[in-house]
Structures are given as C-alpha cells and as structure tokens.
Protein backbone atom coordinates (compact mmCIF):
# COMPACT_ATOMS: atom_id res chain seq x y z
CA MET A 1 6.77 -8.08 38.03
CA THR A 2 4.99 -8.41 41.35
CA ILE A 3 6.56 -10.95 43.68
CA SER A 4 4.54 -12.47 46.51
CA VAL A 5 6.08 -14.53 49.29
CA ASP A 6 3.76 -16.71 51.32
CA ARG A 7 3.87 -19.91 53.31
CA ALA A 8 3.64 -22.91 50.98
CA GLY A 9 0.97 -25.54 51.50
CA LEU A 10 0.79 -29.26 50.85
CA TRP A 11 -0.82 -28.53 47.48
CA ASP A 12 2.45 -26.81 46.43
CA ALA A 13 4.68 -29.89 46.83
CA GLU A 14 4.88 -30.73 43.14
CA ALA A 15 5.54 -27.14 42.02
CA LEU A 16 8.27 -26.79 44.67
CA ALA A 17 9.86 -30.07 43.56
CA ASP A 18 9.83 -28.82 39.97
CA VAL A 19 11.63 -25.62 40.98
CA ALA A 20 14.10 -27.64 43.08
CA ALA A 21 14.91 -29.96 40.17
CA VAL A 22 15.80 -26.95 37.98
CA THR A 23 17.65 -24.90 40.60
CA PHE A 24 19.59 -27.37 42.75
CA PRO A 25 22.07 -28.31 40.00
CA LEU A 26 23.00 -24.62 39.67
CA ALA A 27 24.29 -24.60 43.25
CA CYS A 28 26.51 -27.66 42.75
CA PRO A 29 30.21 -27.41 41.92
CA PRO A 30 31.22 -28.17 38.33
CA HIS A 31 32.70 -31.56 39.25
CA ALA A 32 29.39 -32.87 40.64
CA THR A 33 28.16 -35.65 38.38
CA GLN A 34 24.74 -35.62 36.77
CA GLU A 35 24.08 -39.03 38.35
CA ASP A 36 24.82 -37.76 41.85
CA ILE A 37 22.74 -34.62 41.32
CA ALA A 38 19.82 -36.69 40.00
CA ALA A 39 20.07 -39.06 42.97
CA PHE A 40 19.97 -36.11 45.39
CA VAL A 41 16.99 -34.55 43.64
CA ASP A 42 15.15 -37.91 43.70
CA GLU A 43 15.96 -38.58 47.37
CA VAL A 44 15.73 -35.12 48.91
CA LEU A 45 13.82 -32.81 46.57
CA SER A 46 10.98 -34.94 45.22
CA ALA A 47 7.31 -33.98 45.55
CA GLU A 48 6.95 -36.75 48.16
CA ARG A 49 9.78 -35.27 50.23
CA PHE A 50 8.32 -31.76 49.92
CA SER A 51 5.04 -33.18 51.21
CA GLU A 52 6.97 -34.37 54.28
CA TYR A 53 8.73 -31.02 54.70
CA LEU A 54 5.45 -29.14 54.42
CA THR A 55 3.91 -31.17 57.26
CA ASP A 56 7.00 -31.14 59.51
CA PRO A 57 6.34 -28.76 62.45
CA ALA A 58 10.06 -27.88 62.65
CA ARG A 59 10.14 -26.68 59.02
CA THR A 60 8.63 -23.73 57.23
CA VAL A 61 8.64 -23.45 53.45
CA LEU A 62 8.00 -20.03 51.95
CA GLU A 63 7.36 -19.76 48.24
CA ALA A 64 7.83 -16.82 45.92
CA THR A 65 5.27 -16.48 43.18
CA ALA A 66 5.07 -14.19 40.18
CA GLY A 67 2.29 -14.30 37.65
CA GLY A 68 0.69 -17.20 39.49
CA GLU A 69 3.79 -19.42 39.17
CA VAL A 70 6.24 -20.57 41.84
CA VAL A 71 9.57 -18.95 40.93
CA GLY A 72 11.55 -19.71 44.09
CA TYR A 73 11.41 -20.93 47.65
CA VAL A 74 13.18 -20.92 50.98
CA MET A 75 13.06 -23.71 53.58
CA LEU A 76 13.66 -22.86 57.22
CA VAL A 77 14.48 -25.37 59.96
CA GLU A 78 14.08 -24.48 63.62
CA GLY A 79 16.62 -25.42 66.28
CA MET A 80 20.27 -26.38 66.52
CA PRO A 81 21.57 -28.98 64.09
CA ASP A 82 22.88 -32.37 65.20
CA ASP A 83 26.11 -32.00 63.19
CA HIS A 84 29.05 -31.28 65.54
CA ASP A 85 30.91 -29.06 63.05
CA ILE A 86 27.87 -26.85 62.58
CA ARG A 87 27.09 -26.72 66.31
CA SER A 88 30.66 -25.59 66.94
CA ALA A 89 30.45 -22.86 64.31
CA VAL A 90 27.01 -21.40 65.04
CA SER A 91 27.25 -19.06 68.01
CA LEU A 92 23.92 -17.21 67.86
CA GLN A 93 21.19 -19.02 69.76
CA PRO A 94 18.35 -19.63 69.46
CA THR A 95 18.93 -20.08 65.75
CA MET A 96 17.17 -21.13 62.58
CA GLU A 97 18.70 -22.74 59.50
CA ILE A 98 18.04 -21.40 56.04
CA SER A 99 18.20 -24.89 54.58
CA LYS A 100 17.42 -24.06 50.97
CA LEU A 101 16.96 -20.82 49.07
CA TYR A 102 16.53 -21.30 45.34
CA VAL A 103 15.19 -19.14 42.52
CA LEU A 104 14.56 -20.12 38.91
CA PRO A 105 17.50 -19.00 36.75
CA ASP A 106 15.39 -16.75 34.51
CA ARG A 107 14.39 -14.81 37.67
CA HIS A 108 17.94 -14.20 38.95
CA GLY A 109 18.50 -10.50 39.52
CA SER A 110 14.77 -9.73 39.60
CA GLY A 111 14.39 -9.32 43.38
CA VAL A 112 13.00 -12.80 44.09
CA SER A 113 16.03 -13.88 46.16
CA ALA A 114 15.94 -10.64 48.15
CA ALA A 115 12.21 -11.06 48.82
CA LEU A 116 12.72 -14.64 50.00
CA MET A 117 15.63 -13.63 52.24
CA GLU A 118 13.63 -10.76 53.73
CA ALA A 119 10.72 -13.12 54.48
CA ALA A 120 13.07 -15.73 55.97
CA ILE A 121 14.68 -13.16 58.28
CA ALA A 122 11.26 -11.86 59.34
CA HIS A 123 10.08 -15.41 60.10
CA ALA A 124 13.17 -16.12 62.23
CA ARG A 125 12.73 -12.84 64.12
CA GLU A 126 9.07 -13.64 64.79
CA ALA A 127 10.17 -17.03 66.14
CA GLY A 128 12.46 -15.26 68.62
CA CYS A 129 15.75 -16.33 67.05
CA ALA A 130 18.99 -14.46 67.73
CA GLY A 131 20.40 -15.49 64.36
CA VAL A 132 20.13 -17.60 61.25
CA TRP A 133 22.69 -19.82 59.58
CA LEU A 134 23.14 -21.65 56.30
CA GLY A 135 25.56 -23.82 54.40
CA VAL A 136 26.82 -22.82 50.96
CA ASN A 137 29.14 -24.76 48.68
CA GLN A 138 32.66 -23.36 48.83
CA GLU A 139 32.72 -23.09 45.03
CA ASN A 140 29.39 -21.24 44.76
CA VAL A 141 30.83 -17.73 44.73
CA ARG A 142 27.63 -16.11 43.42
CA ALA A 143 25.59 -17.38 46.39
CA GLN A 144 28.35 -16.43 48.85
CA LYS A 145 28.30 -12.85 47.54
CA PHE A 146 24.51 -12.72 47.89
CA TYR A 147 24.67 -13.99 51.48
CA ALA A 148 27.51 -11.59 52.40
CA LYS A 149 25.47 -8.71 50.93
CA ASN A 150 22.66 -9.81 53.25
CA GLY A 151 24.83 -9.68 56.38
CA PHE A 152 26.09 -13.28 56.59
CA GLU A 153 29.64 -14.07 57.67
CA LYS A 154 31.64 -17.28 57.29
CA VAL A 155 31.96 -18.97 60.67
CA GLY A 156 32.99 -22.53 59.83
CA THR A 157 32.83 -25.43 57.41
CA LYS A 158 30.81 -28.60 56.98
CA THR A 159 30.45 -31.45 54.55
CA PHE A 160 27.42 -32.09 52.37
CA ARG A 161 26.62 -35.32 50.55
CA VAL A 162 25.25 -35.23 47.02
CA GLY A 163 24.72 -38.77 45.78
CA ASN A 164 28.06 -40.54 46.25
CA GLN A 165 30.13 -37.37 46.52
CA ILE A 166 31.08 -35.34 49.57
CA HIS A 167 31.11 -31.58 48.98
CA HIS A 168 32.56 -28.90 51.22
CA ASP A 169 30.42 -26.01 52.38
CA PHE A 170 31.02 -22.85 54.31
CA VAL A 171 28.79 -22.31 57.32
CA MET A 172 27.60 -18.71 57.36
CA GLN A 173 25.53 -16.96 60.01
CA ARG A 174 23.92 -13.63 60.58
CA SER A 175 22.52 -11.97 63.68
CA LEU A 176 18.96 -10.65 63.72
C-alpha cells in the first residue's frame, strides 16, 4: 500500500470529518458516553469545522491517502497555547501543537501513523520550531506508546472537555 501525505484542501473537509467521526471515539476512555462523544464530533469535528480549520492561517491539516481515500490526518497549530497548565509544561519554544493525529482503525499498524508523524515533524522543523507538543488521554496507552516511540516525553497534564465530561490528558513534547 502506497501512503501519500499532503496538505489537505477545503475540498477535503467532508472526507476529514468522516475519518474524524470514526477515529475520535477510539481515543476516548471507556467511560466516555456516546452522547458526549457525538456532541464533540458534531461541535468540533464536523465538515463545517474542518472548513474553518482548513482556512485558519495558524493551522495546517495534513492528510494521508491510500488508494485515493483519506485514511488519516494530522492537524498542527502554530504558537503557544492559551491554557496555563500547558504553557507551564511546554518548555521548547517556538513550538507547534500536534492537535489531532488519527488513522482509520483498519489502517493501524500499516505505517500511516508513522508517515503522518514524520510529515508533522518536518512541517514543524520547516516552520523553525524547537519542539512540538500534544495532549493524549491518560487512559489511551496505545497512543502514549506510539508517541514515546517517536521521541515524546510526558511533561505535564491538562484537562480536555468532551461533551459534558472533563477528561485528563498528559501533555507530551519532543524536541526537533
């Protein structure tokens, strides 16, 4: 399978939202309710929201395609976050957030995640960043192992709202 990673365009908003709707629930802890997950997907991961992300100059969305289909994506956000807990934890500046990195479940283990991470790191380097950071749910051990394998270290914690629930994330960063 040949994997291509390229910058997504406005025309990709619906395909990205479709991937997000399938993949986001996989990153949630088991106690997250279907109602809260659905509310988050509707509010944050809809095609309309992806259209906003794709036209936001502070964001870059890279999509992975295989066989002409979008099979994963990564969203990058330039600059320091407003959240005090994250600002306190992230020591490498300038920095870029890896806001979302999701791959369709039938493509796990196929190299898509690695290709997206490699492209994200390259983009941050080209932007002159000293490091990248991300948040990962404290119960998502699979993702934590992937990030650790890619040079990320836990540097703090933050909260993350999904619908009506507050979840707890680790803040992880990596130098470039």
